[in-house]
Amino acid sequence: MQQIEIFEIPSPCIDICQSNSRGFCLGCYRSRDERFRWLKMDTAEKKRVLILCQQRKKRHQKKLAAIQQTVEVKENDQNGFNF
């Protein structure tokens, strides 16, 4: 037996509507197509998009953490010159 959906799945938009070079929103992590089609998607499609957004966000956060770690290492390595 399938579970009945009572409430509409809200848009994951957080009002940071800027896209990266690949077309993914920097706020909600949806693609252009996912943003444009959101209101026409059924519940299953929306759930799938939300899962994809969570995966994209995790990958992005890992990438940012790696960059931050690299910057910290470079800042701490001053070729022996500690001022």
PDB file of N, CA and C in Angstrom:
ATOM      1  N   MET A   1       0.832  -1.177   0.000  1.00  0.00           N
ATOM      2  CA  MET A   1       0.000   0.000   0.000  1.00  0.00           C
ATOM      3  C   MET A   1       0.880   1.245   0.000  1.00  0.00           C
ATOM      4  N   GLN A   2       0.572   2.198  -0.858  1.00  0.00           N
ATOM      5  CA  GLN A   2       1.343   3.431  -0.935  1.00  0.00           C
ATOM      6  C   GLN A   2       0.865   4.436   0.096  1.00  0.00           C
ATOM      7  N   GLN A   3       1.818   5.224   0.577  1.00  0.00           N
ATOM      8  CA  GLN A   3       1.485   6.275   1.528  1.00  0.00           C
ATOM      9  C   GLN A   3       0.897   7.462   0.775  1.00  0.00           C
ATOM     10  N   ILE A   4      -0.153   8.019   1.290  1.00  0.00           N
ATOM     11  CA  ILE A   4      -0.793   9.169   0.670  1.00  0.00           C
ATOM     12  C   ILE A   4      -0.061  10.432   1.104  1.00  0.00           C
ATOM     13  N   GLU A   5       0.274  11.274   0.127  1.00  0.00           N
ATOM     14  CA  GLU A   5       0.921  12.551   0.421  1.00  0.00           C
ATOM     15  C   GLU A   5      -0.159  13.592   0.682  1.00  0.00           C
ATOM     16  N   ILE A   6      -0.154  14.163   1.864  1.00  0.00           N
ATOM     17  CA  ILE A   6      -1.164  15.143   2.235  1.00  0.00           C
ATOM     18  C   ILE A   6      -0.699  16.556   1.903  1.00  0.00           C
ATOM     19  N   PHE A   7       0.574  16.835   2.151  1.00  0.00           N
ATOM     20  CA  PHE A   7       1.096  18.182   1.965  1.00  0.00           C
ATOM     21  C   PHE A   7       1.981  18.243   0.725  1.00  0.00           C
ATOM     22  N   GLU A   8       1.912  19.357   0.063  1.00  0.00           N
ATOM     23  CA  GLU A   8       2.767  19.629  -1.090  1.00  0.00           C
ATOM     24  C   GLU A   8       4.208  19.770  -0.620  1.00  0.00           C
ATOM     25  N   ILE A   9       5.144  19.270  -1.390  1.00  0.00           N
ATOM     26  CA  ILE A   9       6.563  19.428  -1.063  1.00  0.00           C
ATOM     27  C   ILE A   9       6.974  20.844  -1.458  1.00  0.00           C
ATOM     28  N   PRO A  10       7.430  21.639  -0.486  1.00  0.00           N
ATOM     29  CA  PRO A  10       7.789  23.028  -0.800  1.00  0.00           C
ATOM     30  C   PRO A  10       9.103  23.101  -1.585  1.00  0.00           C
ATOM     31  N   SER A  11       9.251  24.174  -2.292  1.00  0.00           N
ATOM     32  CA  SER A  11      10.485  24.428  -3.022  1.00  0.00           C
ATOM     33  C   SER A  11      11.642  24.567  -2.032  1.00  0.00           C
ATOM     34  N   PRO A  12      12.818  24.022  -2.377  1.00  0.00           N
ATOM     35  CA  PRO A  12      13.982  24.160  -1.497  1.00  0.00           C
ATOM     36  C   PRO A  12      14.677  25.519  -1.611  1.00  0.00           C
ATOM     37  N   CYS A  13      14.115  26.405  -2.389  1.00  0.00           N
ATOM     38  CA  CYS A  13      14.715  27.724  -2.598  1.00  0.00           C
ATOM     39  C   CYS A  13      14.908  28.450  -1.270  1.00  0.00           C
ATOM     40  N   ILE A  14      16.104  29.040  -1.099  1.00  0.00           N
ATOM     41  CA  ILE A  14      16.392  29.816   0.111  1.00  0.00           C
ATOM     42  C   ILE A  14      16.739  31.269  -0.247  1.00  0.00           C
ATOM     43  N   ASP A  15      16.273  31.704  -1.396  1.00  0.00           N
ATOM     44  CA  ASP A  15      16.442  33.091  -1.864  1.00  0.00           C
ATOM     45  C   ASP A  15      17.890  33.500  -2.074  1.00  0.00           C
ATOM     46  N   ILE A  16      18.725  32.558  -2.443  1.00  0.00           N
ATOM     47  CA  ILE A  16      20.086  32.860  -2.904  1.00  0.00           C
ATOM     48  C   ILE A  16      20.125  32.396  -4.357  1.00  0.00           C
ATOM     49  N   CYS A  17      19.543  33.178  -5.205  1.00  0.00           N
ATOM     50  CA  CYS A  17      19.329  32.763  -6.589  1.00  0.00           C
ATOM     51  C   CYS A  17      20.503  33.180  -7.476  1.00  0.00           C
ATOM     52  N   GLN A  18      21.595  32.467  -7.311  1.00  0.00           N
ATOM     53  CA  GLN A  18      22.784  32.670  -8.133  1.00  0.00           C
ATOM     54  C   GLN A  18      23.223  31.306  -8.625  1.00  0.00           C
ATOM     55  N   SER A  19      23.618  31.235  -9.877  1.00  0.00           N
ATOM     56  CA  SER A  19      24.047  29.963 -10.453  1.00  0.00           C
ATOM     57  C   SER A  19      25.553  29.932 -10.623  1.00  0.00           C
ATOM     58  N   ASN A  20      26.111  28.738 -10.480  1.00  0.00           N
ATOM     59  CA  ASN A  20      27.533  28.574 -10.765  1.00  0.00           C
ATOM     60  C   ASN A  20      27.714  28.382 -12.265  1.00  0.00           C
ATOM     61  N   SER A  21      28.920  28.127 -12.704  1.00  0.00           N
ATOM     62  CA  SER A  21      29.212  28.013 -14.138  1.00  0.00           C
ATOM     63  C   SER A  21      28.531  26.811 -14.786  1.00  0.00           C
ATOM     64  N   ARG A  22      28.131  25.834 -13.980  1.00  0.00           N
ATOM     65  CA  ARG A  22      27.457  24.649 -14.517  1.00  0.00           C
ATOM     66  C   ARG A  22      25.937  24.758 -14.450  1.00  0.00           C
ATOM     67  N   GLY A  23      25.429  25.872 -13.927  1.00  0.00           N
ATOM     68  CA  GLY A  23      23.991  26.099 -13.898  1.00  0.00           C
ATOM     69  C   GLY A  23      23.293  25.649 -12.628  1.00  0.00           C
ATOM     70  N   PHE A  24      24.055  25.238 -11.628  1.00  0.00           N
ATOM     71  CA  PHE A  24      23.451  24.826 -10.364  1.00  0.00           C
ATOM     72  C   PHE A  24      23.323  26.038  -9.443  1.00  0.00           C
ATOM     73  N   CYS A  25      22.178  26.140  -8.778  1.00  0.00           N
ATOM     74  CA  CYS A  25      21.932  27.241  -7.860  1.00  0.00           C
ATOM     75  C   CYS A  25      22.852  27.118  -6.647  1.00  0.00           C
ATOM     76  N   LEU A  26      23.461  28.224  -6.245  1.00  0.00           N
ATOM     77  CA  LEU A  26      24.360  28.231  -5.091  1.00  0.00           C
ATOM     78  C   LEU A  26      23.600  28.201  -3.764  1.00  0.00           C
ATOM     79  N   GLY A  27      22.291  28.384  -3.812  1.00  0.00           N
ATOM     80  CA  GLY A  27      21.481  28.351  -2.605  1.00  0.00           C
ATOM     81  C   GLY A  27      20.838  26.992  -2.362  1.00  0.00           C
ATOM     82  N   CYS A  28      20.120  26.489  -3.362  1.00  0.00           N
ATOM     83  CA  CYS A  28      19.364  25.243  -3.178  1.00  0.00           C
ATOM     84  C   CYS A  28      19.986  24.046  -3.898  1.00  0.00           C
ATOM     85  N   TYR A  29      20.966  24.281  -4.756  1.00  0.00           N
ATOM     86  CA  TYR A  29      21.698  23.234  -5.473  1.00  0.00           C
ATOM     87  C   TYR A  29      20.873  22.530  -6.550  1.00  0.00           C
ATOM     88  N   ARG A  30      19.798  23.173  -7.015  1.00  0.00           N
ATOM     89  CA  ARG A  30      19.043  22.593  -8.131  1.00  0.00           C
ATOM     90  C   ARG A  30      19.643  23.054  -9.453  1.00  0.00           C
ATOM     91  N   SER A  31      19.468  22.231 -10.475  1.00  0.00           N
ATOM     92  CA  SER A  31      19.900  22.612 -11.819  1.00  0.00           C
ATOM     93  C   SER A  31      18.896  23.609 -12.395  1.00  0.00           C
ATOM     94  N   ARG A  32      19.250  24.218 -13.506  1.00  0.00           N
ATOM     95  CA  ARG A  32      18.319  25.147 -14.162  1.00  0.00           C
ATOM     96  C   ARG A  32      17.009  24.437 -14.492  1.00  0.00           C
ATOM     97  N   ASP A  33      17.127  23.274 -15.086  1.00  0.00           N
ATOM     98  CA  ASP A  33      15.940  22.518 -15.474  1.00  0.00           C
ATOM     99  C   ASP A  33      15.074  22.170 -14.259  1.00  0.00           C
ATOM    100  N   GLU A  34      15.709  21.767 -13.176  1.00  0.00           N
ATOM    101  CA  GLU A  34      14.963  21.416 -11.962  1.00  0.00           C
ATOM    102  C   GLU A  34      14.233  22.632 -11.401  1.00  0.00           C
ATOM    103  N   ARG A  35      14.855  23.802 -11.458  1.00  0.00           N
ATOM    104  CA  ARG A  35      14.206  25.022 -10.976  1.00  0.00           C
ATOM    105  C   ARG A  35      13.030  25.398 -11.866  1.00  0.00           C
ATOM    106  N   PHE A  36      13.225  25.326 -13.172  1.00  0.00           N
ATOM    107  CA  PHE A  36      12.170  25.727 -14.098  1.00  0.00           C
ATOM    108  C   PHE A  36      10.977  24.774 -14.064  1.00  0.00           C
ATOM    109  N   ARG A  37      11.235  23.485 -13.860  1.00  0.00           N
ATOM    110  CA  ARG A  37      10.169  22.484 -13.908  1.00  0.00           C
ATOM    111  C   ARG A  37       9.530  22.184 -12.546  1.00  0.00           C
ATOM    112  N   TRP A  38      10.025  22.786 -11.459  1.00  0.00           N
ATOM    113  CA  TRP A  38       9.594  22.415 -10.108  1.00  0.00           C
ATOM    114  C   TRP A  38       8.072  22.365  -9.958  1.00  0.00           C
ATOM    115  N   LEU A  39       7.366  23.375 -10.402  1.00  0.00           N
ATOM    116  CA  LEU A  39       5.918  23.435 -10.213  1.00  0.00           C
ATOM    117  C   LEU A  39       5.171  22.385 -11.027  1.00  0.00           C
ATOM    118  N   LYS A  40       5.801  21.839 -12.042  1.00  0.00           N
ATOM    119  CA  LYS A  40       5.165  20.812 -12.877  1.00  0.00           C
ATOM    120  C   LYS A  40       5.531  19.391 -12.450  1.00  0.00           C
ATOM    121  N   MET A  41       6.468  19.264 -11.516  1.00  0.00           N
ATOM    122  CA  MET A  41       6.921  17.939 -11.079  1.00  0.00           C
ATOM    123  C   MET A  41       5.902  17.289 -10.152  1.00  0.00           C
ATOM    124  N   ASP A  42       5.822  15.959 -10.229  1.00  0.00           N
ATOM    125  CA  ASP A  42       5.002  15.251  -9.259  1.00  0.00           C
ATOM    126  C   ASP A  42       5.829  15.024  -7.992  1.00  0.00           C
ATOM    127  N   THR A  43       5.209  14.475  -6.969  1.00  0.00           N
ATOM    128  CA  THR A  43       5.856  14.298  -5.670  1.00  0.00           C
ATOM    129  C   THR A  43       7.114  13.442  -5.766  1.00  0.00           C
ATOM    130  N   ALA A  44       7.064  12.366  -6.522  1.00  0.00           N
ATOM    131  CA  ALA A  44       8.225  11.477  -6.651  1.00  0.00           C
ATOM    132  C   ALA A  44       9.403  12.205  -7.280  1.00  0.00           C
ATOM    133  N   GLU A  45       9.134  13.006  -8.309  1.00  0.00           N
ATOM    134  CA  GLU A  45      10.210  13.769  -8.958  1.00  0.00           C
ATOM    135  C   GLU A  45      10.813  14.782  -7.988  1.00  0.00           C
ATOM    136  N   LYS A  46       9.970  15.456  -7.230  1.00  0.00           N
ATOM    137  CA  LYS A  46      10.460  16.445  -6.271  1.00  0.00           C
ATOM    138  C   LYS A  46      11.324  15.787  -5.204  1.00  0.00           C
ATOM    139  N   LYS A  47      10.913  14.629  -4.731  1.00  0.00           N
ATOM    140  CA  LYS A  47      11.708  13.913  -3.725  1.00  0.00           C
ATOM    141  C   LYS A  47      13.070  13.544  -4.295  1.00  0.00           C
ATOM    142  N   ARG A  48      13.094  13.090  -5.539  1.00  0.00           N
ATOM    143  CA  ARG A  48      14.355  12.725  -6.197  1.00  0.00           C
ATOM    144  C   ARG A  48      15.263  13.948  -6.326  1.00  0.00           C
ATOM    145  N   VAL A  49      14.698  15.074  -6.702  1.00  0.00           N
ATOM    146  CA  VAL A  49      15.474  16.307  -6.833  1.00  0.00           C
ATOM    147  C   VAL A  49      16.048  16.714  -5.476  1.00  0.00           C
ATOM    148  N   LEU A  50      15.262  16.592  -4.411  1.00  0.00           N
ATOM    149  CA  LEU A  50      15.749  16.954  -3.078  1.00  0.00           C
ATOM    150  C   LEU A  50      16.914  16.064  -2.655  1.00  0.00           C
ATOM    151  N   ILE A  51      16.854  14.788  -2.994  1.00  0.00           N
ATOM    152  CA  ILE A  51      17.970  13.876  -2.695  1.00  0.00           C
ATOM    153  C   ILE A  51      19.215  14.307  -3.473  1.00  0.00           C
ATOM    154  N   LEU A  52      19.035  14.625  -4.749  1.00  0.00           N
ATOM    155  CA  LEU A  52      20.165  15.093  -5.566  1.00  0.00           C
ATOM    156  C   LEU A  52      20.754  16.385  -5.004  1.00  0.00           C
ATOM    157  N   CYS A  53      19.898  17.284  -4.545  1.00  0.00           N
ATOM    158  CA  CYS A  53      20.365  18.548  -3.972  1.00  0.00           C
ATOM    159  C   CYS A  53      21.195  18.310  -2.718  1.00  0.00           C
ATOM    160  N   GLN A  54      20.759  17.387  -1.886  1.00  0.00           N
ATOM    161  CA  GLN A  54      21.519  17.060  -0.675  1.00  0.00           C
ATOM    162  C   GLN A  54      22.889  16.502  -1.032  1.00  0.00           C
ATOM    163  N   GLN A  55      22.942  15.644  -2.046  1.00  0.00           N
ATOM    164  CA  GLN A  55      24.225  15.082  -2.483  1.00  0.00           C
ATOM    165  C   GLN A  55      25.130  16.170  -3.032  1.00  0.00           C
ATOM    166  N   ARG A  56      24.580  17.058  -3.827  1.00  0.00           N
ATOM    167  CA  ARG A  56      25.376  18.154  -4.392  1.00  0.00           C
ATOM    168  C   ARG A  56      25.909  19.064  -3.295  1.00  0.00           C
ATOM    169  N   LYS A  57      25.071  19.350  -2.306  1.00  0.00           N
ATOM    170  CA  LYS A  57      25.492  20.210  -1.202  1.00  0.00           C
ATOM    171  C   LYS A  57      26.638  19.574  -0.428  1.00  0.00           C
ATOM    172  N   LYS A  58      26.552  18.281  -0.160  1.00  0.00           N
ATOM    173  CA  LYS A  58      27.627  17.584   0.564  1.00  0.00           C
ATOM    174  C   LYS A  58      28.935  17.633  -0.221  1.00  0.00           C
ATOM    175  N   ARG A  59      28.853  17.382  -1.542  1.00  0.00           N
ATOM    176  CA  ARG A  59      30.064  17.433  -2.378  1.00  0.00           C
ATOM    177  C   ARG A  59      30.656  18.835  -2.374  1.00  0.00           C
ATOM    178  N   HIS A  60      29.802  19.846  -2.461  1.00  0.00           N
ATOM    179  CA  HIS A  60      30.266  21.232  -2.476  1.00  0.00           C
ATOM    180  C   HIS A  60      30.929  21.590  -1.153  1.00  0.00           C
ATOM    181  N   GLN A  61      30.328  21.176  -0.042  1.00  0.00           N
ATOM    182  CA  GLN A  61      30.911  21.459   1.269  1.00  0.00           C
ATOM    183  C   GLN A  61      32.248  20.752   1.448  1.00  0.00           C
ATOM    184  N   LYS A  62      32.378  19.520   0.947  1.00  0.00           N
ATOM    185  CA  LYS A  62      33.659  18.806   1.018  1.00  0.00           C
ATOM    186  C   LYS A  62      34.726  19.547   0.217  1.00  0.00           C
ATOM    187  N   LYS A  63      34.329  20.017  -0.949  1.00  0.00           N
ATOM    188  CA  LYS A  63      35.270  20.749  -1.799  1.00  0.00           C
ATOM    189  C   LYS A  63      35.725  22.033  -1.115  1.00  0.00           C
ATOM    190  N   LEU A  64      34.781  22.767  -0.529  1.00  0.00           N
ATOM    191  CA  LEU A  64      35.133  24.001   0.177  1.00  0.00           C
ATOM    192  C   LEU A  64      36.032  23.727   1.370  1.00  0.00           C
ATOM    193  N   ALA A  65      35.764  22.632   2.092  1.00  0.00           N
ATOM    194  CA  ALA A  65      36.600  22.273   3.246  1.00  0.00           C
ATOM    195  C   ALA A  65      38.017  21.944   2.805  1.00  0.00           C
ATOM    196  N   ALA A  66      38.153  21.240   1.679  1.00  0.00           N
ATOM    197  CA  ALA A  66      39.481  20.892   1.165  1.00  0.00           C
ATOM    198  C   ALA A  66      40.238  22.147   0.754  1.00  0.00           C
ATOM    199  N   ILE A  67      39.549  23.080   0.134  1.00  0.00           N
ATOM    200  CA  ILE A  67      40.177  24.343  -0.270  1.00  0.00           C
ATOM    201  C   ILE A  67      40.616  25.122   0.969  1.00  0.00           C
ATOM    202  N   GLN A  68      39.746  25.178   1.972  1.00  0.00           N
ATOM    203  CA  GLN A  68      40.072  25.893   3.206  1.00  0.00           C
ATOM    204  C   GLN A  68      41.283  25.280   3.884  1.00  0.00           C
ATOM    205  N   GLN A  69      41.344  23.955   3.900  1.00  0.00           N
ATOM    206  CA  GLN A  69      42.472  23.267   4.518  1.00  0.00           C
ATOM    207  C   GLN A  69      43.764  23.585   3.773  1.00  0.00           C
ATOM    208  N   THR A  70      43.705  23.616   2.457  1.00  0.00           N
ATOM    209  CA  THR A  70      44.880  23.950   1.649  1.00  0.00           C
ATOM    210  C   THR A  70      45.346  25.371   1.949  1.00  0.00           C
ATOM    211  N   VAL A  71      44.409  26.295   2.073  1.00  0.00           N
ATOM    212  CA  VAL A  71      44.750  27.688   2.369  1.00  0.00           C
ATOM    213  C   VAL A  71      45.402  27.780   3.741  1.00  0.00           C
ATOM    214  N   GLU A  72      44.865  27.066   4.720  1.00  0.00           N
ATOM    215  CA  GLU A  72      45.437  27.101   6.067  1.00  0.00           C
ATOM    216  C   GLU A  72      46.852  26.539   6.088  1.00  0.00           C
ATOM    217  N   VAL A  73      47.101  25.479   5.339  1.00  0.00           N
ATOM    218  CA  VAL A  73      48.444  24.895   5.273  1.00  0.00           C
ATOM    219  C   VAL A  73      49.408  25.896   4.659  1.00  0.00           C
ATOM    220  N   LYS A  74      48.992  26.556   3.593  1.00  0.00           N
ATOM    221  CA  LYS A  74      49.860  27.541   2.945  1.00  0.00           C
ATOM    222  C   LYS A  74      50.135  28.730   3.861  1.00  0.00           C
ATOM    223  N   GLU A  75      49.124  29.143   4.627  1.00  0.00           N
ATOM    224  CA  GLU A  75      49.313  30.264   5.535  1.00  0.00           C
ATOM    225  C   GLU A  75      50.274  29.897   6.666  1.00  0.00           C
ATOM    226  N   ASN A  76      50.230  28.641   7.107  1.00  0.00           N
ATOM    227  CA  ASN A  76      51.098  28.202   8.194  1.00  0.00           C
ATOM    228  C   ASN A  76      52.520  27.907   7.725  1.00  0.00           C
ATOM    229  N   ASP A  77      52.690  27.651   6.443  1.00  0.00           N
ATOM    230  CA  ASP A  77      54.006  27.356   5.890  1.00  0.00           C
ATOM    231  C   ASP A  77      54.563  28.621   5.244  1.00  0.00           C
ATOM    232  N   GLN A  78      55.361  29.333   6.009  1.00  0.00           N
ATOM    233  CA  GLN A  78      55.919  30.597   5.510  1.00  0.00           C
ATOM    234  C   GLN A  78      57.405  30.438   5.212  1.00  0.00           C
ATOM    235  N   ASN A  79      57.796  29.254   4.813  1.00  0.00           N
ATOM    236  CA  ASN A  79      59.175  28.992   4.466  1.00  0.00           C
ATOM    237  C   ASN A  79      60.148  29.373   5.601  1.00  0.00           C
ATOM    238  N   GLY A  80      59.732  29.090   6.821  1.00  0.00           N
ATOM    239  CA  GLY A  80      60.596  29.360   7.961  1.00  0.00           C
ATOM    240  C   GLY A  80      60.545  30.764   8.492  1.00  0.00           C
ATOM    241  N   PHE A  81      59.777  31.629   7.864  1.00  0.00           N
ATOM    242  CA  PHE A  81      59.664  33.021   8.311  1.00  0.00           C
ATOM    243  C   PHE A  81      58.395  33.185   9.120  1.00  0.00           C
ATOM    244  N   ASN A  82      58.490  33.117  10.408  1.00  0.00           N
ATOM    245  CA  ASN A  82      57.346  33.347  11.272  1.00  0.00           C
ATOM    246  C   ASN A  82      57.457  34.729  11.891  1.00  0.00           C
ATOM    247  N   PHE A  83      56.548  35.568  11.580  1.00  0.00           N
ATOM    248  CA  PHE A  83      56.589  36.942  12.095  1.00  0.00           C
ATOM    249  C   PHE A  83      55.621  37.121  13.218  1.00  0.00           C
TER     250      PHE A  83
END
